[in-house]
PDB file of N, CA and C in Angstrom:
ATOM      1  N   MET A   1       2.875  28.637   6.158  1.00  0.00           N
ATOM      2  CA  MET A   1       1.787  28.741   4.938  1.00  0.00           C
ATOM      3  C   MET A   1       3.056  29.286   3.869  1.00  0.00           C
ATOM      4  N   LYS A   2       4.158  30.099   4.384  1.00  0.00           N
ATOM      5  CA  LYS A   2       5.019  30.978   3.559  1.00  0.00           C
ATOM      6  C   LYS A   2       6.037  29.850   3.282  1.00  0.00           C
ATOM      7  N   LEU A   3       6.543  28.934   4.058  1.00  0.00           N
ATOM      8  CA  LEU A   3       7.412  27.851   4.071  1.00  0.00           C
ATOM      9  C   LEU A   3       6.999  26.804   3.115  1.00  0.00           C
ATOM     10  N   GLY A   4       5.567  26.375   3.206  1.00  0.00           N
ATOM     11  CA  GLY A   4       4.824  25.581   2.005  1.00  0.00           C
ATOM     12  C   GLY A   4       5.102  26.161   0.963  1.00  0.00           C
ATOM     13  N   GLU A   5       4.664  27.710   0.680  1.00  0.00           N
ATOM     14  CA  GLU A   5       4.629  28.174  -0.626  1.00  0.00           C
ATOM     15  C   GLU A   5       6.219  28.095  -1.244  1.00  0.00           C
ATOM     16  N   LEU A   6       7.183  28.221  -0.276  1.00  0.00           N
ATOM     17  CA  LEU A   6       8.722  28.275  -0.809  1.00  0.00           C
ATOM     18  C   LEU A   6       8.703  27.006  -1.334  1.00  0.00           C
ATOM     19  N   TYR A   7       8.382  26.016  -1.045  1.00  0.00           N
ATOM     20  CA  TYR A   7       8.633  24.741  -1.532  1.00  0.00           C
ATOM     21  C   TYR A   7       7.710  24.162  -2.599  1.00  0.00           C
ATOM     22  N   LEU A   8       6.651  24.875  -2.619  1.00  0.00           N
ATOM     23  CA  LEU A   8       5.723  24.607  -3.993  1.00  0.00           C
ATOM     24  C   LEU A   8       6.376  25.236  -5.119  1.00  0.00           C
ATOM     25  N   ASN A   9       7.029  26.337  -4.918  1.00  0.00           N
ATOM     26  CA  ASN A   9       7.349  27.122  -6.095  1.00  0.00           C
ATOM     27  C   ASN A   9       8.914  26.747  -6.511  1.00  0.00           C
ATOM     28  N   ASP A  10       9.694  25.544  -5.827  1.00  0.00           N
ATOM     29  CA  ASP A  10      10.816  25.291  -5.742  1.00  0.00           C
ATOM     30  C   ASP A  10      12.107  26.436  -5.555  1.00  0.00           C
ATOM     31  N   GLY A  11      11.381  27.146  -4.299  1.00  0.00           N
ATOM     32  CA  GLY A  11      12.192  28.097  -3.956  1.00  0.00           C
ATOM     33  C   GLY A  11      12.412  29.555  -4.653  1.00  0.00           C
ATOM     34  N   ALA A  12      11.730  29.592  -5.821  1.00  0.00           N
ATOM     35  CA  ALA A  12      11.802  30.826  -6.536  1.00  0.00           C
ATOM     36  C   ALA A  12      11.825  31.998  -5.857  1.00  0.00           C
ATOM     37  N   GLY A  13      12.711  32.804  -6.062  1.00  0.00           N
ATOM     38  CA  GLY A  13      12.678  34.349  -5.434  1.00  0.00           C
ATOM     39  C   GLY A  13      12.875  34.402  -4.147  1.00  0.00           C
ATOM     40  N   ARG A  14      13.332  33.144  -3.788  1.00  0.00           N
ATOM     41  CA  ARG A  14      13.936  33.174  -2.095  1.00  0.00           C
ATOM     42  C   ARG A  14      15.012  32.707  -1.919  1.00  0.00           C
ATOM     43  N   ALA A  15      15.360  32.649  -0.527  1.00  0.00           N
ATOM     44  CA  ALA A  15      17.063  32.297  -0.299  1.00  0.00           C
ATOM     45  C   ALA A  15      17.375  30.893  -0.608  1.00  0.00           C
ATOM     46  N   ASP A  16      16.503  30.025  -0.477  1.00  0.00           N
ATOM     47  CA  ASP A  16      16.509  28.521  -0.619  1.00  0.00           C
ATOM     48  C   ASP A  16      16.598  28.218  -2.050  1.00  0.00           C
ATOM     49  N   PRO A  17      17.336  27.763  -3.014  1.00  0.00           N
ATOM     50  CA  PRO A  17      17.563  27.629  -4.340  1.00  0.00           C
ATOM     51  C   PRO A  17      16.819  26.179  -4.553  1.00  0.00           C
ATOM     52  N   ALA A  18      16.269  26.287  -6.028  1.00  0.00           N
ATOM     53  CA  ALA A  18      15.437  24.927  -6.343  1.00  0.00           C
ATOM     54  C   ALA A  18      16.041  23.608  -5.880  1.00  0.00           C
ATOM     55  N   GLU A  19      17.162  23.747  -6.247  1.00  0.00           N
ATOM     56  CA  GLU A  19      18.024  22.453  -5.805  1.00  0.00           C
ATOM     57  C   GLU A  19      17.899  21.806  -4.461  1.00  0.00           C
ATOM     58  N   TRP A  20      17.894  22.707  -3.488  1.00  0.00           N
ATOM     59  CA  TRP A  20      17.599  22.325  -2.183  1.00  0.00           C
ATOM     60  C   TRP A  20      16.083  21.998  -2.070  1.00  0.00           C
ATOM     61  N   VAL A  21      15.098  22.474  -2.554  1.00  0.00           N
ATOM     62  CA  VAL A  21      13.866  21.734  -2.554  1.00  0.00           C
ATOM     63  C   VAL A  21      13.936  20.474  -3.343  1.00  0.00           C
ATOM     64  N   LYS A  22      14.627  20.252  -4.325  1.00  0.00           N
ATOM     65  CA  LYS A  22      14.439  19.012  -4.932  1.00  0.00           C
ATOM     66  C   LYS A  22      15.090  17.902  -3.938  1.00  0.00           C
ATOM     67  N   GLN A  23      16.321  18.313  -3.085  1.00  0.00           N
ATOM     68  CA  GLN A  23      16.934  17.442  -2.332  1.00  0.00           C
ATOM     69  C   GLN A  23      16.070  17.002  -1.106  1.00  0.00           C
ATOM     70  N   VAL A  24      15.391  17.815  -0.607  1.00  0.00           N
ATOM     71  CA  VAL A  24      14.671  17.606   0.648  1.00  0.00           C
ATOM     72  C   VAL A  24      13.432  16.797   0.128  1.00  0.00           C
ATOM     73  N   THR A  25      13.068  16.890  -0.853  1.00  0.00           N
ATOM     74  CA  THR A  25      11.756  15.988  -1.309  1.00  0.00           C
ATOM     75  C   THR A  25      12.128  14.787  -1.939  1.00  0.00           C
ATOM     76  N   THR A  26      13.332  14.404  -2.088  1.00  0.00           N
ATOM     77  CA  THR A  26      13.882  13.304  -2.811  1.00  0.00           C
ATOM     78  C   THR A  26      13.903  12.195  -1.548  1.00  0.00           C
ATOM     79  N   PRO A  27      13.163  10.806  -1.942  1.00  0.00           N
ATOM     80  CA  PRO A  27      13.176   9.893  -0.910  1.00  0.00           C
ATOM     81  C   PRO A  27      14.636   9.427  -0.405  1.00  0.00           C
ATOM     82  N   SER A  28      14.578   9.057   0.599  1.00  0.00           N
ATOM     83  CA  SER A  28      16.105   8.746   1.330  1.00  0.00           C
ATOM     84  C   SER A  28      16.242   7.337   1.066  1.00  0.00           C
ATOM     85  N   GLU A  29      17.331   6.735   0.773  1.00  0.00           N
ATOM     86  CA  GLU A  29      17.551   5.505   0.814  1.00  0.00           C
ATOM     87  C   GLU A  29      17.116   4.397   2.026  1.00  0.00           C
ATOM     88  N   LEU A  30      17.004   4.853   3.206  1.00  0.00           N
ATOM     89  CA  LEU A  30      16.592   3.975   4.286  1.00  0.00           C
ATOM     90  C   LEU A  30      15.422   4.192   4.454  1.00  0.00           C
ATOM     91  N   GLN A  31      14.805   5.392   4.187  1.00  0.00           N
ATOM     92  CA  GLN A  31      13.127   5.470   4.420  1.00  0.00           C
ATOM     93  C   GLN A  31      12.662   6.193   3.256  1.00  0.00           C
ATOM     94  N   PRO A  32      12.071   5.222   2.239  1.00  0.00           N
ATOM     95  CA  PRO A  32      11.434   5.910   0.866  1.00  0.00           C
ATOM     96  C   PRO A  32      10.144   6.868   1.060  1.00  0.00           C
ATOM     97  N   GLN A  33       9.602   6.819   2.203  1.00  0.00           N
ATOM     98  CA  GLN A  33       8.526   7.691   2.792  1.00  0.00           C
ATOM     99  C   GLN A  33       8.808   8.829   3.286  1.00  0.00           C
ATOM    100  N   TYR A  34      10.373   9.221   3.091  1.00  0.00           N
ATOM    101  CA  TYR A  34      10.750  10.740   3.868  1.00  0.00           C
ATOM    102  C   TYR A  34      11.985  10.954   3.292  1.00  0.00           C
ATOM    103  N   GLY A  35      11.868  12.112   2.705  1.00  0.00           N
ATOM    104  CA  GLY A  35      13.131  13.148   2.411  1.00  0.00           C
ATOM    105  C   GLY A  35      14.000  13.647   3.582  1.00  0.00           C
ATOM    106  N   LEU A  36      14.423  14.713   3.622  1.00  0.00           N
ATOM    107  CA  LEU A  36      14.781  15.667   4.497  1.00  0.00           C
ATOM    108  C   LEU A  36      13.911  16.575   5.005  1.00  0.00           C
ATOM    109  N   MET A  37      13.434  16.084   6.222  1.00  0.00           N
ATOM    110  CA  MET A  37      12.300  16.941   6.992  1.00  0.00           C
ATOM    111  C   MET A  37      10.898  17.027   6.314  1.00  0.00           C
ATOM    112  N   TRP A  38      10.823  16.288   5.204  1.00  0.00           N
ATOM    113  CA  TRP A  38       9.453  16.100   4.587  1.00  0.00           C
ATOM    114  C   TRP A  38       8.955  14.721   4.628  1.00  0.00           C
ATOM    115  N   TRP A  39       7.831  14.303   5.013  1.00  0.00           N
ATOM    116  CA  TRP A  39       7.275  12.991   4.820  1.00  0.00           C
ATOM    117  C   TRP A  39       6.510  13.164   3.055  1.00  0.00           C
ATOM    118  N   LEU A  40       6.770  12.072   2.152  1.00  0.00           N
ATOM    119  CA  LEU A  40       6.602  11.989   0.964  1.00  0.00           C
ATOM    120  C   LEU A  40       5.583  10.758   0.540  1.00  0.00           C
ATOM    121  N   TYR A  41       4.600  11.302   0.130  1.00  0.00           N
ATOM    122  CA  TYR A  41       3.268  10.425  -0.013  1.00  0.00           C
ATOM    123  C   TYR A  41       2.845  10.446  -1.774  1.00  0.00           C
ATOM    124  N   THR A  42       2.002   9.545  -1.986  1.00  0.00           N
ATOM    125  CA  THR A  42       1.190   9.524  -3.257  1.00  0.00           C
ATOM    126  C   THR A  42      -0.196   9.567  -2.863  1.00  0.00           C
ATOM    127  N   TRP A  43      -1.074  10.334  -3.348  1.00  0.00           N
ATOM    128  CA  TRP A  43      -2.545  10.341  -3.070  1.00  0.00           C
ATOM    129  C   TRP A  43      -3.064  10.464  -4.513  1.00  0.00           C
ATOM    130  N   ASN A  44      -4.027   9.834  -4.645  1.00  0.00           N
ATOM    131  CA  ASN A  44      -4.843   9.689  -6.019  1.00  0.00           C
ATOM    132  C   ASN A  44      -4.024   9.882  -7.220  1.00  0.00           C
ATOM    133  N   GLY A  45      -2.678   9.794  -7.224  1.00  0.00           N
ATOM    134  CA  GLY A  45      -1.519   9.554  -8.449  1.00  0.00           C
ATOM    135  C   GLY A  45      -0.960  11.165  -8.412  1.00  0.00           C
ATOM    136  N   TYR A  46      -1.109  11.880  -7.129  1.00  0.00           N
ATOM    137  CA  TYR A  46      -0.184  13.232  -6.983  1.00  0.00           C
ATOM    138  C   TYR A  46       0.713  12.860  -6.078  1.00  0.00           C
ATOM    139  N   ARG A  47       1.928  13.574  -6.290  1.00  0.00           N
ATOM    140  CA  ARG A  47       2.943  13.596  -5.012  1.00  0.00           C
ATOM    141  C   ARG A  47       2.681  14.667  -4.158  1.00  0.00           C
ATOM    142  N   VAL A  48       2.580  14.173  -2.966  1.00  0.00           N
ATOM    143  CA  VAL A  48       2.279  14.995  -1.511  1.00  0.00           C
ATOM    144  C   VAL A  48       3.519  15.170  -1.131  1.00  0.00           C
ATOM    145  N   TYR A  49       3.816  16.240  -0.345  1.00  0.00           N
ATOM    146  CA  TYR A  49       5.027  16.406   0.480  1.00  0.00           C
ATOM    147  C   TYR A  49       4.216  16.989   1.963  1.00  0.00           C
ATOM    148  N   ALA A  50       4.660  16.603   2.992  1.00  0.00           N
ATOM    149  CA  ALA A  50       3.894  16.842   4.533  1.00  0.00           C
ATOM    150  C   ALA A  50       4.992  16.907   5.538  1.00  0.00           C
ATOM    151  N   ALA A  51       4.750  18.110   6.111  1.00  0.00           N
ATOM    152  CA  ALA A  51       6.165  18.526   7.248  1.00  0.00           C
ATOM    153  C   ALA A  51       4.967  18.486   8.409  1.00  0.00           C
ATOM    154  N   ARG A  52       5.223  17.568   9.430  1.00  0.00           N
ATOM    155  CA  ARG A  52       4.578  17.742  10.551  1.00  0.00           C
ATOM    156  C   ARG A  52       5.374  18.025  11.671  1.00  0.00           C
ATOM    157  N   GLY A  53       4.734  19.030  12.336  1.00  0.00           N
ATOM    158  CA  GLY A  53       5.561  19.296  13.974  1.00  0.00           C
ATOM    159  C   GLY A  53       4.678  19.126  15.097  1.00  0.00           C
ATOM    160  N   SER A  54       5.168  19.461  16.413  1.00  0.00           N
ATOM    161  CA  SER A  54       4.726  19.346  17.579  1.00  0.00           C
ATOM    162  C   SER A  54       3.251  19.836  17.605  1.00  0.00           C
ATOM    163  N   ALA A  55       2.326  19.392  18.542  1.00  0.00           N
ATOM    164  CA  ALA A  55       1.101  19.808  18.710  1.00  0.00           C
ATOM    165  C   ALA A  55       0.400  19.980  17.350  1.00  0.00           C
ATOM    166  N   ASP A  56       0.587  19.104  16.743  1.00  0.00           N
ATOM    167  CA  ASP A  56      -0.531  18.421  15.377  1.00  0.00           C
ATOM    168  C   ASP A  56      -0.450  19.736  14.306  1.00  0.00           C
ATOM    169  N   HIS A  57       0.514  20.460  14.279  1.00  0.00           N
ATOM    170  CA  HIS A  57       1.164  21.289  13.195  1.00  0.00           C
ATOM    171  C   HIS A  57       1.178  20.753  11.933  1.00  0.00           C
ATOM    172  N   LEU A  58       0.812  21.110  10.729  1.00  0.00           N
ATOM    173  CA  LEU A  58       0.966  20.508   9.583  1.00  0.00           C
ATOM    174  C   LEU A  58       0.912  21.263   8.290  1.00  0.00           C
ATOM    175  N   ILE A  59       1.943  21.054   7.460  1.00  0.00           N
ATOM    176  CA  ILE A  59       2.053  21.588   6.136  1.00  0.00           C
ATOM    177  C   ILE A  59       1.866  20.369   4.953  1.00  0.00           C
ATOM    178  N   VAL A  60       0.958  20.751   4.297  1.00  0.00           N
ATOM    179  CA  VAL A  60       0.868  19.497   3.111  1.00  0.00           C
ATOM    180  C   VAL A  60       0.716  20.355   1.833  1.00  0.00           C
ATOM    181  N   LEU A  61       1.815  19.932   0.819  1.00  0.00           N
ATOM    182  CA  LEU A  61       1.867  20.479  -0.507  1.00  0.00           C
ATOM    183  C   LEU A  61       1.369  19.319  -1.427  1.00  0.00           C
ATOM    184  N   VAL A  62       0.957  19.807  -2.604  1.00  0.00           N
ATOM    185  CA  VAL A  62       0.319  18.970  -3.751  1.00  0.00           C
ATOM    186  C   VAL A  62       1.081  19.623  -4.860  1.00  0.00           C
ATOM    187  N   PRO A  63       2.166  19.559  -5.064  1.00  0.00           N
ATOM    188  CA  PRO A  63       2.912  20.575  -6.250  1.00  0.00           C
ATOM    189  C   PRO A  63       2.118  20.442  -7.590  1.00  0.00           C
ATOM    190  N   ASP A  64       1.601  19.410  -8.229  1.00  0.00           N
ATOM    191  CA  ASP A  64       1.004  19.272  -9.285  1.00  0.00           C
ATOM    192  C   ASP A  64      -0.481  20.195  -9.155  1.00  0.00           C
ATOM    193  N   GLN A  65      -0.902  20.153  -8.229  1.00  0.00           N
ATOM    194  CA  GLN A  65      -2.076  20.966  -7.970  1.00  0.00           C
ATOM    195  C   GLN A  65      -1.912  22.366  -7.638  1.00  0.00           C
ATOM    196  N   LYS A  66      -0.764  22.736  -7.564  1.00  0.00           N
ATOM    197  CA  LYS A  66      -0.471  23.980  -6.851  1.00  0.00           C
ATOM    198  C   LYS A  66      -1.068  24.408  -5.643  1.00  0.00           C
ATOM    199  N   SER A  67      -0.912  23.323  -4.598  1.00  0.00           N
ATOM    200  CA  SER A  67      -1.766  23.375  -3.478  1.00  0.00           C
ATOM    201  C   SER A  67      -0.922  23.645  -2.274  1.00  0.00           C
ATOM    202  N   VAL A  68      -1.295  24.386  -1.365  1.00  0.00           N
ATOM    203  CA  VAL A  68      -0.437  24.101  -0.001  1.00  0.00           C
ATOM    204  C   VAL A  68      -1.579  24.583   1.146  1.00  0.00           C
ATOM    205  N   THR A  69      -1.623  23.563   2.197  1.00  0.00           N
ATOM    206  CA  THR A  69      -2.986  23.465   3.143  1.00  0.00           C
ATOM    207  C   THR A  69      -1.903  23.360   4.645  1.00  0.00           C
ATOM    208  N   THR A  70      -2.027  24.197   5.323  1.00  0.00           N
ATOM    209  CA  THR A  70      -1.397  24.607   6.706  1.00  0.00           C
ATOM    210  C   THR A  70      -2.296  24.373   7.820  1.00  0.00           C
ATOM    211  N   ILE A  71      -2.385  23.368   8.718  1.00  0.00           N
ATOM    212  CA  ILE A  71      -3.108  23.483   9.867  1.00  0.00           C
ATOM    213  C   ILE A  71      -2.192  23.872  11.262  1.00  0.00           C
ATOM    214  N   THR A  72      -2.698  24.603  11.982  1.00  0.00           N
ATOM    215  CA  THR A  72      -1.966  25.090  13.404  1.00  0.00           C
ATOM    216  C   THR A  72      -2.936  24.556  14.378  1.00  0.00           C
ATOM    217  N   SER A  73      -2.339  23.896  15.623  1.00  0.00           N
ATOM    218  CA  SER A  73      -3.479  23.446  16.628  1.00  0.00           C
ATOM    219  C   SER A  73      -2.804  23.480  18.031  1.00  0.00           C
ATOM    220  N   ALA A  74      -2.987  23.398  18.982  1.00  0.00           N
ATOM    221  CA  ALA A  74      -2.712  23.068  20.157  1.00  0.00           C
ATOM    222  C   ALA A  74      -3.513  21.877  20.766  1.00  0.00           C
ATOM    223  N   SER A  75      -2.948  20.804  20.249  1.00  0.00           N
ATOM    224  CA  SER A  75      -3.643  19.528  20.836  1.00  0.00           C
ATOM    225  C   SER A  75      -2.838  19.141  22.044  1.00  0.00           C
ATOM    226  N   LEU A  76      -3.492  19.025  23.243  1.00  0.00           N
ATOM    227  CA  LEU A  76      -2.970  18.406  24.441  1.00  0.00           C
ATOM    228  C   LEU A  76      -2.753  17.285  24.499  1.00  0.00           C
ATOM    229  N   ARG A  77      -3.231  16.612  23.863  1.00  0.00           N
ATOM    230  CA  ARG A  77      -2.917  14.871  23.716  1.00  0.00           C
ATOM    231  C   ARG A  77      -1.473  14.732  23.279  1.00  0.00           C
ATOM    232  N   ASN A  78      -0.869  15.484  22.203  1.00  0.00           N
ATOM    233  CA  ASN A  78       0.523  14.944  21.644  1.00  0.00           C
ATOM    234  C   ASN A  78       1.331  15.881  22.423  1.00  0.00           C
ATOM    235  N   THR A  79       1.319  16.819  23.632  1.00  0.00           N
ATOM    236  CA  THR A  79       2.190  17.801  23.963  1.00  0.00           C
ATOM    237  C   THR A  79       2.063  17.677  25.472  1.00  0.00           C
ATOM    238  N   PRO A  80       2.730  16.642  26.215  1.00  0.00           N
ATOM    239  CA  PRO A  80       2.489  16.431  27.632  1.00  0.00           C
ATOM    240  C   PRO A  80       3.077  17.376  28.533  1.00  0.00           C
ATOM    241  N   TRP A  81       3.786  18.212  27.853  1.00  0.00           N
ATOM    242  CA  TRP A  81       4.446  19.152  28.838  1.00  0.00           C
ATOM    243  C   TRP A  81       3.425  20.576  29.266  1.00  0.00           C
ATOM    244  N   MET A  82       2.245  20.658  28.477  1.00  0.00           N
ATOM    245  CA  MET A  82       1.250  21.551  28.647  1.00  0.00           C
ATOM    246  C   MET A  82       0.187  20.780  29.359  1.00  0.00           C
ATOM    247  N   THR A  83       0.138  21.400  30.602  1.00  0.00           N
ATOM    248  CA  THR A  83      -0.757  20.627  31.481  1.00  0.00           C
ATOM    249  C   THR A  83      -2.318  21.246  31.598  1.00  0.00           C
ATOM    250  N   LYS A  84      -2.309  22.268  31.188  1.00  0.00           N
ATOM    251  CA  LYS A  84      -3.546  23.465  30.684  1.00  0.00           C
ATOM    252  C   LYS A  84      -3.535  24.056  29.648  1.00  0.00           C
ATOM    253  N   PRO A  85      -4.798  24.478  29.178  1.00  0.00           N
ATOM    254  CA  PRO A  85      -4.897  25.344  27.838  1.00  0.00           C
ATOM    255  C   PRO A  85      -4.222  26.787  28.222  1.00  0.00           C
ATOM    256  N   CYS A  86      -3.799  27.167  27.277  1.00  0.00           N
ATOM    257  CA  CYS A  86      -2.932  28.467  27.238  1.00  0.00           C
ATOM    258  C   CYS A  86      -4.083  29.788  27.295  1.00  0.00           C
ATOM    259  N   PHE A  87      -5.036  29.400  27.272  1.00  0.00           N
ATOM    260  CA  PHE A  87      -6.222  30.591  27.562  1.00  0.00           C
ATOM    261  C   PHE A  87      -7.480  30.268  28.027  1.00  0.00           C
ATOM    262  N   PRO A  88      -8.166  30.816  28.724  1.00  0.00           N
ATOM    263  CA  PRO A  88      -9.145  30.453  29.562  1.00  0.00           C
ATOM    264  C   PRO A  88     -10.289  29.827  28.758  1.00  0.00           C
TER     265      PRO A  88
END
């Protein structure tokens, strides 16, 4: 959530400057739906940034709506090295 808020606020008050946030959320020339570490989408006319990690972890930002959504999970289907649940 904190990482999402950092990018949502253009790095304000944090170690990462707004220029870095702008750079990583700018489409690359080779892959227009990808910046540097962020997937870039348009949904219902809004810019959307998504960071997807292992085990289905997800951060989704909608800057114009001041919205950050985070999802943490432990999906076994996407993590083949986990052969059994971590808890009973």
